């Protein structure tokens, strides 16, 4: 039997177990599979994964061991240097633990202001916003003349903004954000943060507006038409300069029209007359609105219903 002449082959193989293509350049007879290569590759990958896990574990243990030594130290100046280092490295968890201890030790010293400042930010960066709020507030009270007092006053308001939830949820923190940001603007009229604070107030007001609108729309969708009309009227009064005012007014018209339709005969004329009033108000206030055609249709329908009610009443009277 003739020996098979070997040669270099450049081929792409797929290792079924790993489901990825491997580009190999190895010496082997034509026609043989790459199973041996795949097996070696799997062993190498397994080894690398184990090595990586062990390396991470060793580093974590070393870090924890070092921090434990820092925590047990009685040299507070050393602890302060380490706290500053952890803070600079954005290791806010370890920095916070040290600053919490140093907070009491250095109270009243020249280092206290900086410790208070960084301690407050540690809580903020760790998303402990309730604690951050108290610390930002406390800093301004303890250091009212500090160059950082304005920044901390702003950050206190900003913690509430960070806690402002989705539109569908309770908006207590959104309302508080507006109040605290407005107080900041009033207290620091020359601050470079005024523009940002104003933008945040606008965003929060838009969120509250959307929540009120969704509540009114929900009343309408559930068939509580009078409640929908009242809620949307309140919405318009709360946000008179809204870009969606014409949409809100149309919702009021629709709600009162449906409410009139469901009314007993004795009340239908008055309630359709209310729809006519709302339509006329829309025409006066939003003459250029794209919704004008729809409003005109509701006006005509309401007027026709009033005529129909009067005709029926005439028939009964005769």
C-alpha atoms as a PDB file:
ATOM      1  CA  UNK A   1       0.000   0.000   0.000  1.00  0.00           C
ATOM      2  CA  UNK A   2       1.275   3.352  -0.975  1.00  0.00           C
ATOM      3  CA  UNK A   3       1.971   5.703   1.802  1.00  0.00           C
ATOM      4  CA  UNK A   4      -0.205   8.718   1.846  1.00  0.00           C
ATOM      5  CA  UNK A   5       1.859  11.774   1.214  1.00  0.00           C
ATOM      6  CA  UNK A   6       1.278  14.339   3.930  1.00  0.00           C
ATOM      7  CA  UNK A   7       1.088  18.027   3.235  1.00  0.00           C
ATOM      8  CA  UNK A   8       0.150  21.249   4.985  1.00  0.00           C
ATOM      9  CA  UNK A   9      -3.556  21.984   4.839  1.00  0.00           C
ATOM     10  CA  UNK A  10      -5.193  25.297   5.682  1.00  0.00           C
ATOM     11  CA  UNK A  11      -8.766  24.489   6.486  1.00  0.00           C
ATOM     12  CA  UNK A  12     -11.685  25.737   8.621  1.00  0.00           C
ATOM     13  CA  UNK A  13     -13.240  23.216  10.927  1.00  0.00           C
ATOM     14  CA  UNK A  14     -16.258  23.359  13.190  1.00  0.00           C
ATOM     15  CA  UNK A  15     -16.066  21.840  16.619  1.00  0.00           C
ATOM     16  CA  UNK A  16     -19.619  20.543  17.163  1.00  0.00           C
ATOM     17  CA  UNK A  17     -19.428  20.753  20.912  1.00  0.00           C
ATOM     18  CA  UNK A  18     -18.235  24.378  20.987  1.00  0.00           C
ATOM     19  CA  UNK A  19     -20.289  25.357  17.936  1.00  0.00           C
ATOM     20  CA  UNK A  20     -17.720  27.734  16.528  1.00  0.00           C
ATOM     21  CA  UNK A  21     -15.322  27.622  13.607  1.00  0.00           C
ATOM     22  CA  UNK A  22     -11.637  27.141  14.206  1.00  0.00           C
ATOM     23  CA  UNK A  23      -9.022  28.108  11.635  1.00  0.00           C
ATOM     24  CA  UNK A  24      -6.183  25.579  11.815  1.00  0.00           C
ATOM     25  CA  UNK A  25      -2.896  25.185  10.002  1.00  0.00           C
ATOM     26  CA  UNK A  26      -1.617  21.764  10.991  1.00  0.00           C
ATOM     27  CA  UNK A  27       0.228  18.822   9.472  1.00  0.00           C
ATOM     28  CA  UNK A  28      -2.106  15.856   8.896  1.00  0.00           C
ATOM     29  CA  UNK A  29      -3.043  13.435   6.188  1.00  0.00           C
ATOM     30  CA  UNK A  30      -5.875  14.473   3.828  1.00  0.00           C
ATOM     31  CA  UNK A  31      -9.322  13.235   4.818  1.00  0.00           C
ATOM     32  CA  UNK A  32      -8.710  13.037   8.567  1.00  0.00           C
ATOM     33  CA  UNK A  33     -11.019  14.979  10.944  1.00  0.00           C
ATOM     34  CA  UNK A  34     -10.096  17.742  13.373  1.00  0.00           C
ATOM     35  CA  UNK A  35     -11.421  15.913  16.432  1.00  0.00           C
ATOM     36  CA  UNK A  36      -8.036  15.826  18.139  1.00  0.00           C
ATOM     37  CA  UNK A  37      -7.633  19.582  17.716  1.00  0.00           C
ATOM     38  CA  UNK A  38     -11.129  20.244  19.109  1.00  0.00           C
ATOM     39  CA  UNK A  39     -10.418  18.056  22.121  1.00  0.00           C
ATOM     40  CA  UNK A  40      -7.187  19.895  22.887  1.00  0.00           C
ATOM     41  CA  UNK A  41      -8.922  23.218  22.400  1.00  0.00           C
ATOM     42  CA  UNK A  42     -11.671  22.306  24.856  1.00  0.00           C
ATOM     43  CA  UNK A  43      -9.111  21.324  27.471  1.00  0.00           C
ATOM     44  CA  UNK A  44      -7.282  24.602  26.963  1.00  0.00           C
ATOM     45  CA  UNK A  45     -10.501  26.591  27.316  1.00  0.00           C
ATOM     46  CA  UNK A  46     -11.453  24.725  30.483  1.00  0.00           C
ATOM     47  CA  UNK A  47      -8.010  25.377  31.938  1.00  0.00           C
ATOM     48  CA  UNK A  48      -8.231  29.102  31.099  1.00  0.00           C
ATOM     49  CA  UNK A  49     -11.654  29.403  32.720  1.00  0.00           C
ATOM     50  CA  UNK A  50     -10.457  27.729  35.909  1.00  0.00           C
ATOM     51  CA  UNK A  51      -7.323  29.865  35.916  1.00  0.00           C
ATOM     52  CA  UNK A  52      -9.351  33.069  35.480  1.00  0.00           C
ATOM     53  CA  UNK A  53     -11.731  32.160  38.317  1.00  0.00           C
ATOM     54  CA  UNK A  54      -8.830  31.345  40.625  1.00  0.00           C
ATOM     55  CA  UNK A  55      -7.039  34.564  39.693  1.00  0.00           C
ATOM     56  CA  UNK A  56     -10.135  36.687  40.373  1.00  0.00           C
ATOM     57  CA  UNK A  57     -10.679  34.876  43.661  1.00  0.00           C
ATOM     58  CA  UNK A  58      -7.078  35.437  44.697  1.00  0.00           C
ATOM     59  CA  UNK A  59      -7.266  39.138  43.862  1.00  0.00           C
ATOM     60  CA  UNK A  60     -10.564  39.515  45.735  1.00  0.00           C
ATOM     61  CA  UNK A  61      -9.146  37.724  48.781  1.00  0.00           C
ATOM     62  CA  UNK A  62      -6.029  39.879  48.683  1.00  0.00           C
ATOM     63  CA  UNK A  63      -8.146  43.034  48.435  1.00  0.00           C
ATOM     64  CA  UNK A  64     -10.428  42.007  51.311  1.00  0.00           C
ATOM     65  CA  UNK A  65      -7.442  40.996  53.422  1.00  0.00           C
ATOM     66  CA  UNK A  66      -5.792  44.374  52.813  1.00  0.00           C
ATOM     67  CA  UNK A  67      -8.969  46.307  53.612  1.00  0.00           C
ATOM     68  CA  UNK A  68      -9.434  44.311  56.824  1.00  0.00           C
ATOM     69  CA  UNK A  69      -5.959  45.427  57.916  1.00  0.00           C
ATOM     70  CA  UNK A  70      -6.825  49.042  57.104  1.00  0.00           C
ATOM     71  CA  UNK A  71     -10.077  48.770  59.039  1.00  0.00           C
ATOM     72  CA  UNK A  72      -8.320  47.361  62.131  1.00  0.00           C
ATOM     73  CA  UNK A  73      -5.606  50.010  62.112  1.00  0.00           C
ATOM     74  CA  UNK A  74      -5.528  52.603  64.913  1.00  0.00           C
ATOM     75  CA  UNK A  75      -3.652  55.075  62.719  1.00  0.00           C
ATOM     76  CA  UNK A  76      -6.457  57.425  61.690  1.00  0.00           C
ATOM     77  CA  UNK A  77      -4.257  59.502  59.416  1.00  0.00           C
ATOM     78  CA  UNK A  78      -3.412  56.309  57.527  1.00  0.00           C
ATOM     79  CA  UNK A  79      -7.115  55.425  57.390  1.00  0.00           C
ATOM     80  CA  UNK A  80      -7.893  58.855  55.996  1.00  0.00           C
ATOM     81  CA  UNK A  81      -5.276  58.453  53.266  1.00  0.00           C
ATOM     82  CA  UNK A  82      -6.685  55.042  52.383  1.00  0.00           C
ATOM     83  CA  UNK A  83     -10.270  56.376  52.402  1.00  0.00           C
ATOM     84  CA  UNK A  84      -9.211  59.114  49.984  1.00  0.00           C
ATOM     85  CA  UNK A  85      -7.477  56.503  47.813  1.00  0.00           C
ATOM     86  CA  UNK A  86     -10.542  54.244  47.724  1.00  0.00           C
ATOM     87  CA  UNK A  87     -12.683  57.281  46.876  1.00  0.00           C
ATOM     88  CA  UNK A  88     -10.328  58.329  44.064  1.00  0.00           C
ATOM     89  CA  UNK A  89     -10.423  54.760  42.725  1.00  0.00           C
ATOM     90  CA  UNK A  90     -14.248  54.881  42.836  1.00  0.00           C
ATOM     91  CA  UNK A  91     -14.343  52.062  45.396  1.00  0.00           C
ATOM     92  CA  UNK A  92     -17.162  53.843  47.206  1.00  0.00           C
ATOM     93  CA  UNK A  93     -18.174  50.863  49.326  1.00  0.00           C
ATOM     94  CA  UNK A  94     -14.807  50.642  51.093  1.00  0.00           C
ATOM     95  CA  UNK A  95     -14.439  54.428  51.154  1.00  0.00           C
ATOM     96  CA  UNK A  96     -17.828  54.817  52.803  1.00  0.00           C
ATOM     97  CA  UNK A  97     -16.977  52.377  55.588  1.00  0.00           C
ATOM     98  CA  UNK A  98     -13.808  54.288  56.420  1.00  0.00           C
ATOM     99  CA  UNK A  99     -15.380  57.732  56.133  1.00  0.00           C
ATOM    100  CA  UNK A 100     -18.192  56.641  58.453  1.00  0.00           C
ATOM    101  CA  UNK A 101     -15.643  55.921  61.181  1.00  0.00           C
ATOM    102  CA  UNK A 102     -13.511  58.976  60.415  1.00  0.00           C
ATOM    103  CA  UNK A 103     -16.620  61.174  60.401  1.00  0.00           C
ATOM    104  CA  UNK A 104     -16.721  61.001  64.208  1.00  0.00           C
ATOM    105  CA  UNK A 105     -12.959  61.024  64.726  1.00  0.00           C
ATOM    106  CA  UNK A 106     -12.212  64.166  62.690  1.00  0.00           C
ATOM    107  CA  UNK A 107     -15.372  66.105  63.551  1.00  0.00           C
ATOM    108  CA  UNK A 108     -14.412  69.745  64.077  1.00  0.00           C
ATOM    109  CA  UNK A 109     -10.979  69.335  62.481  1.00  0.00           C
ATOM    110  CA  UNK A 110      -9.619  70.865  59.295  1.00  0.00           C
ATOM    111  CA  UNK A 111     -10.326  67.569  57.496  1.00  0.00           C
ATOM    112  CA  UNK A 112     -13.955  67.359  58.516  1.00  0.00           C
ATOM    113  CA  UNK A 113     -15.426  69.336  55.604  1.00  0.00           C
ATOM    114  CA  UNK A 114     -13.711  67.175  52.992  1.00  0.00           C
ATOM    115  CA  UNK A 115     -14.683  63.974  54.828  1.00  0.00           C
ATOM    116  CA  UNK A 116     -18.315  65.138  55.052  1.00  0.00           C
ATOM    117  CA  UNK A 117     -18.287  66.016  51.337  1.00  0.00           C
ATOM    118  CA  UNK A 118     -16.924  62.659  50.202  1.00  0.00           C
ATOM    119  CA  UNK A 119     -19.023  60.694  52.682  1.00  0.00           C
ATOM    120  CA  UNK A 120     -22.175  62.261  51.202  1.00  0.00           C
ATOM    121  CA  UNK A 121     -21.086  61.428  47.655  1.00  0.00           C
ATOM    122  CA  UNK A 122     -20.305  57.830  48.632  1.00  0.00           C
ATOM    123  CA  UNK A 123     -23.944  57.390  49.626  1.00  0.00           C
ATOM    124  CA  UNK A 124     -25.031  59.011  46.357  1.00  0.00           C
ATOM    125  CA  UNK A 125     -22.813  56.866  44.134  1.00  0.00           C
ATOM    126  CA  UNK A 126     -23.960  53.748  45.993  1.00  0.00           C
ATOM    127  CA  UNK A 127     -27.549  54.801  45.157  1.00  0.00           C
ATOM    128  CA  UNK A 128     -28.472  55.204  48.826  1.00  0.00           C
ATOM    129  CA  UNK A 129     -30.395  58.349  47.921  1.00  0.00           C
ATOM    130  CA  UNK A 130     -32.281  58.726  51.211  1.00  0.00           C
ATOM    131  CA  UNK A 131     -28.994  58.796  53.137  1.00  0.00           C
ATOM    132  CA  UNK A 132     -27.394  61.019  50.499  1.00  0.00           C
ATOM    133  CA  UNK A 133     -30.256  63.504  50.869  1.00  0.00           C
ATOM    134  CA  UNK A 134     -29.666  63.755  54.618  1.00  0.00           C
ATOM    135  CA  UNK A 135     -25.911  64.133  54.178  1.00  0.00           C
ATOM    136  CA  UNK A 136     -26.156  66.789  51.457  1.00  0.00           C
ATOM    137  CA  UNK A 137     -28.639  68.678  53.609  1.00  0.00           C
ATOM    138  CA  UNK A 138     -26.446  68.284  56.700  1.00  0.00           C
ATOM    139  CA  UNK A 139     -23.375  69.565  54.867  1.00  0.00           C
ATOM    140  CA  UNK A 140     -25.135  72.808  53.923  1.00  0.00           C
ATOM    141  CA  UNK A 141     -26.318  73.255  57.503  1.00  0.00           C
ATOM    142  CA  UNK A 142     -22.864  72.607  59.010  1.00  0.00           C
ATOM    143  CA  UNK A 143     -20.881  74.509  56.353  1.00  0.00           C
ATOM    144  CA  UNK A 144     -23.261  77.230  55.059  1.00  0.00           C
ATOM    145  CA  UNK A 145     -20.352  79.431  53.920  1.00  0.00           C
ATOM    146  CA  UNK A 146     -18.400  76.650  52.218  1.00  0.00           C
ATOM    147  CA  UNK A 147     -17.471  76.994  48.550  1.00  0.00           C
ATOM    148  CA  UNK A 148     -19.116  73.611  48.114  1.00  0.00           C
ATOM    149  CA  UNK A 149     -22.400  74.534  49.831  1.00  0.00           C
ATOM    150  CA  UNK A 150     -24.102  75.524  46.561  1.00  0.00           C
ATOM    151  CA  UNK A 151     -23.104  72.238  44.914  1.00  0.00           C
ATOM    152  CA  UNK A 152     -24.376  70.224  47.871  1.00  0.00           C
ATOM    153  CA  UNK A 153     -27.637  72.164  47.934  1.00  0.00           C
ATOM    154  CA  UNK A 154     -28.139  71.287  44.268  1.00  0.00           C
ATOM    155  CA  UNK A 155     -27.244  67.647  44.835  1.00  0.00           C
ATOM    156  CA  UNK A 156     -29.846  67.368  47.560  1.00  0.00           C
ATOM    157  CA  UNK A 157     -32.530  68.365  45.053  1.00  0.00           C
ATOM    158  CA  UNK A 158     -30.980  66.082  42.454  1.00  0.00           C
ATOM    159  CA  UNK A 159     -31.277  63.009  44.712  1.00  0.00           C
ATOM    160  CA  UNK A 160     -35.063  63.357  44.543  1.00  0.00           C
ATOM    161  CA  UNK A 161     -34.877  63.620  40.758  1.00  0.00           C
ATOM    162  CA  UNK A 162     -32.891  60.372  40.663  1.00  0.00           C
ATOM    163  CA  UNK A 163     -35.721  58.738  42.643  1.00  0.00           C
ATOM    164  CA  UNK A 164     -38.461  60.001  40.326  1.00  0.00           C
ATOM    165  CA  UNK A 165     -40.163  56.834  38.995  1.00  0.00           C
ATOM    166  CA  UNK A 166     -42.011  55.929  35.809  1.00  0.00           C
ATOM    167  CA  UNK A 167     -45.156  57.886  34.955  1.00  0.00           C
ATOM    168  CA  UNK A 168     -47.464  55.093  36.118  1.00  0.00           C
ATOM    169  CA  UNK A 169     -46.089  55.079  39.689  1.00  0.00           C
ATOM    170  CA  UNK A 170     -46.457  57.443  42.640  1.00  0.00           C
ATOM    171  CA  UNK A 171     -44.907  60.823  41.804  1.00  0.00           C
ATOM    172  CA  UNK A 172     -44.131  62.113  45.303  1.00  0.00           C
ATOM    173  CA  UNK A 173     -40.414  62.384  44.562  1.00  0.00           C
ATOM    174  CA  UNK A 174     -41.144  64.118  41.255  1.00  0.00           C
ATOM    175  CA  UNK A 175     -43.162  66.754  43.089  1.00  0.00           C
ATOM    176  CA  UNK A 176     -40.401  67.133  45.684  1.00  0.00           C
ATOM    177  CA  UNK A 177     -37.851  67.542  42.901  1.00  0.00           C
ATOM    178  CA  UNK A 178     -39.775  70.504  41.512  1.00  0.00           C
ATOM    179  CA  UNK A 179     -40.004  72.104  44.957  1.00  0.00           C
ATOM    180  CA  UNK A 180     -36.337  71.663  45.855  1.00  0.00           C
ATOM    181  CA  UNK A 181     -35.077  72.690  42.411  1.00  0.00           C
ATOM    182  CA  UNK A 182     -37.200  75.842  42.538  1.00  0.00           C
ATOM    183  CA  UNK A 183     -35.871  76.577  46.028  1.00  0.00           C
ATOM    184  CA  UNK A 184     -32.328  76.141  44.694  1.00  0.00           C
ATOM    185  CA  UNK A 185     -33.012  78.609  41.861  1.00  0.00           C
ATOM    186  CA  UNK A 186     -34.421  81.131  44.303  1.00  0.00           C
ATOM    187  CA  UNK A 187     -31.526  80.705  46.741  1.00  0.00           C
ATOM    188  CA  UNK A 188     -28.725  80.722  44.154  1.00  0.00           C
ATOM    189  CA  UNK A 189     -29.900  83.042  41.341  1.00  0.00           C
ATOM    190  CA  UNK A 190     -26.399  83.357  39.866  1.00  0.00           C
ATOM    191  CA  UNK A 191     -25.536  79.652  39.881  1.00  0.00           C
ATOM    192  CA  UNK A 192     -24.303  77.975  36.664  1.00  0.00           C
ATOM    193  CA  UNK A 193     -26.702  75.148  37.585  1.00  0.00           C
ATOM    194  CA  UNK A 194     -29.773  77.343  37.024  1.00  0.00           C
ATOM    195  CA  UNK A 195     -30.242  76.170  33.439  1.00  0.00           C
ATOM    196  CA  UNK A 196     -29.981  72.508  34.379  1.00  0.00           C
ATOM    197  CA  UNK A 197     -32.321  72.971  37.339  1.00  0.00           C
ATOM    198  CA  UNK A 198     -34.895  74.676  35.112  1.00  0.00           C
ATOM    199  CA  UNK A 199     -34.700  71.857  32.555  1.00  0.00           C
ATOM    200  CA  UNK A 200     -35.252  69.281  35.292  1.00  0.00           C
ATOM    201  CA  UNK A 201     -38.291  71.196  36.560  1.00  0.00           C
ATOM    202  CA  UNK A 202     -39.717  71.183  33.022  1.00  0.00           C
ATOM    203  CA  UNK A 203     -39.140  67.436  32.688  1.00  0.00           C
ATOM    204  CA  UNK A 204     -40.808  66.776  36.027  1.00  0.00           C
ATOM    205  CA  UNK A 205     -43.787  68.950  35.167  1.00  0.00           C
ATOM    206  CA  UNK A 206     -44.128  67.109  31.856  1.00  0.00           C
ATOM    207  CA  UNK A 207     -44.132  63.808  33.734  1.00  0.00           C
ATOM    208  CA  UNK A 208     -46.817  64.998  36.156  1.00  0.00           C
ATOM    209  CA  UNK A 209     -48.846  66.310  33.224  1.00  0.00           C
ATOM    210  CA  UNK A 210     -48.616  62.961  31.459  1.00  0.00           C
ATOM    211  CA  UNK A 211     -49.700  61.131  34.608  1.00  0.00           C
ATOM    212  CA  UNK A 212     -52.755  63.375  34.988  1.00  0.00           C
ATOM    213  CA  UNK A 213     -53.602  62.915  31.320  1.00  0.00           C
ATOM    214  CA  UNK A 214     -53.364  59.127  31.582  1.00  0.00           C
ATOM    215  CA  UNK A 215     -55.660  59.196  34.616  1.00  0.00           C
ATOM    216  CA  UNK A 216     -58.241  61.248  32.719  1.00  0.00           C
ATOM    217  CA  UNK A 217     -57.956  58.984  29.675  1.00  0.00           C
ATOM    218  CA  UNK A 218     -58.421  55.938  31.896  1.00  0.00           C
ATOM    219  CA  UNK A 219     -61.690  57.394  33.239  1.00  0.00           C
ATOM    220  CA  UNK A 220     -62.823  57.834  29.657  1.00  0.00           C
ATOM    221  CA  UNK A 221     -61.783  54.331  28.599  1.00  0.00           C
ATOM    222  CA  UNK A 222     -63.633  52.831  31.567  1.00  0.00           C
ATOM    223  CA  UNK A 223     -66.810  54.722  30.684  1.00  0.00           C
ATOM    224  CA  UNK A 224     -66.714  57.233  33.554  1.00  0.00           C
ATOM    225  CA  UNK A 225     -67.332  60.118  31.183  1.00  0.00           C
ATOM    226  CA  UNK A 226     -68.264  62.818  33.681  1.00  0.00           C
ATOM    227  CA  UNK A 227     -65.176  62.016  35.768  1.00  0.00           C
ATOM    228  CA  UNK A 228     -63.065  62.108  32.597  1.00  0.00           C
ATOM    229  CA  UNK A 229     -64.414  65.563  31.740  1.00  0.00           C
ATOM    230  CA  UNK A 230     -63.757  66.894  35.244  1.00  0.00           C
ATOM    231  CA  UNK A 231     -60.255  65.379  35.408  1.00  0.00           C
ATOM    232  CA  UNK A 232     -59.268  66.766  31.997  1.00  0.00           C
ATOM    233  CA  UNK A 233     -60.611  70.210  32.901  1.00  0.00           C
ATOM    234  CA  UNK A 234     -58.424  70.128  36.018  1.00  0.00           C
ATOM    235  CA  UNK A 235     -55.497  69.046  33.843  1.00  0.00           C
ATOM    236  CA  UNK A 236     -55.959  72.048  31.554  1.00  0.00           C
ATOM    237  CA  UNK A 237     -56.161  74.400  34.517  1.00  0.00           C
ATOM    238  CA  UNK A 238     -52.951  72.972  35.973  1.00  0.00           C
ATOM    239  CA  UNK A 239     -51.045  73.217  32.682  1.00  0.00           C
ATOM    240  CA  UNK A 240     -52.573  76.146  30.771  1.00  0.00           C
ATOM    241  CA  UNK A 241     -49.542  76.547  28.515  1.00  0.00           C
ATOM    242  CA  UNK A 242     -49.306  72.902  27.510  1.00  0.00           C
ATOM    243  CA  UNK A 243     -48.620  72.134  23.857  1.00  0.00           C
ATOM    244  CA  UNK A 244     -51.363  69.504  24.065  1.00  0.00           C
ATOM    245  CA  UNK A 245     -54.086  71.835  25.318  1.00  0.00           C
ATOM    246  CA  UNK A 246     -56.199  71.395  22.195  1.00  0.00           C
ATOM    247  CA  UNK A 247     -56.018  67.595  22.598  1.00  0.00           C
ATOM    248  CA  UNK A 248     -57.149  67.907  26.199  1.00  0.00           C
ATOM    249  CA  UNK A 249     -60.035  70.168  25.197  1.00  0.00           C
ATOM    250  CA  UNK A 250     -61.151  67.639  22.593  1.00  0.00           C
ATOM    251  CA  UNK A 251     -61.121  64.918  25.243  1.00  0.00           C
ATOM    252  CA  UNK A 252     -63.384  67.095  27.392  1.00  0.00           C
ATOM    253  CA  UNK A 253     -65.776  67.504  24.452  1.00  0.00           C
ATOM    254  CA  UNK A 254     -65.823  63.766  23.779  1.00  0.00           C
ATOM    255  CA  UNK A 255     -66.339  62.940  27.447  1.00  0.00           C
ATOM    256  CA  UNK A 256     -69.270  65.319  27.915  1.00  0.00           C
ATOM    257  CA  UNK A 257     -70.803  64.255  24.609  1.00  0.00           C
ATOM    258  CA  UNK A 258     -70.772  60.596  25.687  1.00  0.00           C
ATOM    259  CA  UNK A 259     -72.078  61.614  29.103  1.00  0.00           C
ATOM    260  CA  UNK A 260     -74.976  63.479  27.446  1.00  0.00           C
ATOM    261  CA  UNK A 261     -75.763  60.481  25.245  1.00  0.00           C
ATOM    262  CA  UNK A 262     -76.184  58.290  28.329  1.00  0.00           C
ATOM    263  CA  UNK A 263     -78.334  60.806  30.182  1.00  0.00           C
ATOM    264  CA  UNK A 264     -82.051  60.488  30.799  1.00  0.00           C
ATOM    265  CA  UNK A 265     -84.260  62.477  28.453  1.00  0.00           C
ATOM    266  CA  UNK A 266     -84.909  65.268  30.976  1.00  0.00           C
ATOM    267  CA  UNK A 267     -81.170  66.020  31.247  1.00  0.00           C
ATOM    268  CA  UNK A 268     -80.048  65.522  27.674  1.00  0.00           C
ATOM    269  CA  UNK A 269     -80.714  69.076  26.464  1.00  0.00           C
ATOM    270  CA  UNK A 270     -78.679  70.687  29.237  1.00  0.00           C
ATOM    271  CA  UNK A 271     -75.815  68.272  28.812  1.00  0.00           C
ATOM    272  CA  UNK A 272     -75.645  68.592  25.054  1.00  0.00           C
ATOM    273  CA  UNK A 273     -75.717  72.358  25.563  1.00  0.00           C
ATOM    274  CA  UNK A 274     -72.622  71.911  27.747  1.00  0.00           C
ATOM    275  CA  UNK A 275     -70.925  70.157  24.822  1.00  0.00           C
ATOM    276  CA  UNK A 276     -71.849  73.065  22.538  1.00  0.00           C
ATOM    277  CA  UNK A 277     -70.258  75.466  25.024  1.00  0.00           C
ATOM    278  CA  UNK A 278     -67.063  73.405  25.123  1.00  0.00           C
ATOM    279  CA  UNK A 279     -66.939  73.298  21.314  1.00  0.00           C
ATOM    280  CA  UNK A 280     -67.336  77.060  21.031  1.00  0.00           C
ATOM    281  CA  UNK A 281     -64.580  77.576  23.585  1.00  0.00           C
ATOM    282  CA  UNK A 282     -62.331  75.313  21.521  1.00  0.00           C
ATOM    283  CA  UNK A 283     -63.076  77.268  18.333  1.00  0.00           C
ATOM    284  CA  UNK A 284     -62.256  80.573  20.051  1.00  0.00           C
ATOM    285  CA  UNK A 285     -59.071  79.347  21.711  1.00  0.00           C
ATOM    286  CA  UNK A 286     -57.595  77.074  19.048  1.00  0.00           C
ATOM    287  CA  UNK A 287     -58.662  78.484  15.668  1.00  0.00           C
ATOM    288  CA  UNK A 288     -55.620  76.940  13.901  1.00  0.00           C
ATOM    289  CA  UNK A 289     -55.846  73.508  15.483  1.00  0.00           C
ATOM    290  CA  UNK A 290     -55.716  70.401  13.294  1.00  0.00           C
ATOM    291  CA  UNK A 291     -58.527  69.011  15.443  1.00  0.00           C
ATOM    292  CA  UNK A 292     -60.981  71.696  14.353  1.00  0.00           C
ATOM    293  CA  UNK A 293     -62.827  69.404  11.910  1.00  0.00           C
ATOM    294  CA  UNK A 294     -63.505  66.842  14.626  1.00  0.00           C
ATOM    295  CA  UNK A 295     -64.710  69.519  17.024  1.00  0.00           C
ATOM    296  CA  UNK A 296     -67.050  70.905  14.372  1.00  0.00           C
ATOM    297  CA  UNK A 297     -68.550  67.434  13.953  1.00  0.00           C
ATOM    298  CA  UNK A 298     -69.232  67.184  17.693  1.00  0.00           C
ATOM    299  CA  UNK A 299     -70.760  70.673  17.612  1.00  0.00           C
ATOM    300  CA  UNK A 300     -73.126  69.725  14.809  1.00  0.00           C
ATOM    301  CA  UNK A 301     -74.079  66.425  16.480  1.00  0.00           C
ATOM    302  CA  UNK A 302     -74.785  68.181  19.770  1.00  0.00           C
ATOM    303  CA  UNK A 303     -76.922  70.851  18.119  1.00  0.00           C
ATOM    304  CA  UNK A 304     -78.874  68.173  16.243  1.00  0.00           C
ATOM    305  CA  UNK A 305     -79.442  66.264  19.496  1.00  0.00           C
ATOM    306  CA  UNK A 306     -80.731  69.425  21.169  1.00  0.00           C
ATOM    307  CA  UNK A 307     -83.175  69.936  18.283  1.00  0.00           C
ATOM    308  CA  UNK A 308     -84.284  66.325  18.517  1.00  0.00           C
ATOM    309  CA  UNK A 309     -84.921  66.644  22.257  1.00  0.00           C
ATOM    310  CA  UNK A 310     -86.930  69.844  21.747  1.00  0.00           C
ATOM    311  CA  UNK A 311     -88.982  68.251  18.965  1.00  0.00           C
ATOM    312  CA  UNK A 312     -89.760  65.305  21.203  1.00  0.00           C
ATOM    313  CA  UNK A 313     -90.783  67.604  23.991  1.00  0.00           C
ATOM    314  CA  UNK A 314     -93.067  69.522  21.587  1.00  0.00           C
ATOM    315  CA  UNK A 315     -94.706  66.313  20.468  1.00  0.00           C
ATOM    316  CA  UNK A 316     -95.375  65.255  24.049  1.00  0.00           C
ATOM    317  CA  UNK A 317     -96.771  68.671  24.920  1.00  0.00           C
ATOM    318  CA  UNK A 318     -99.203  68.607  22.013  1.00  0.00           C
END
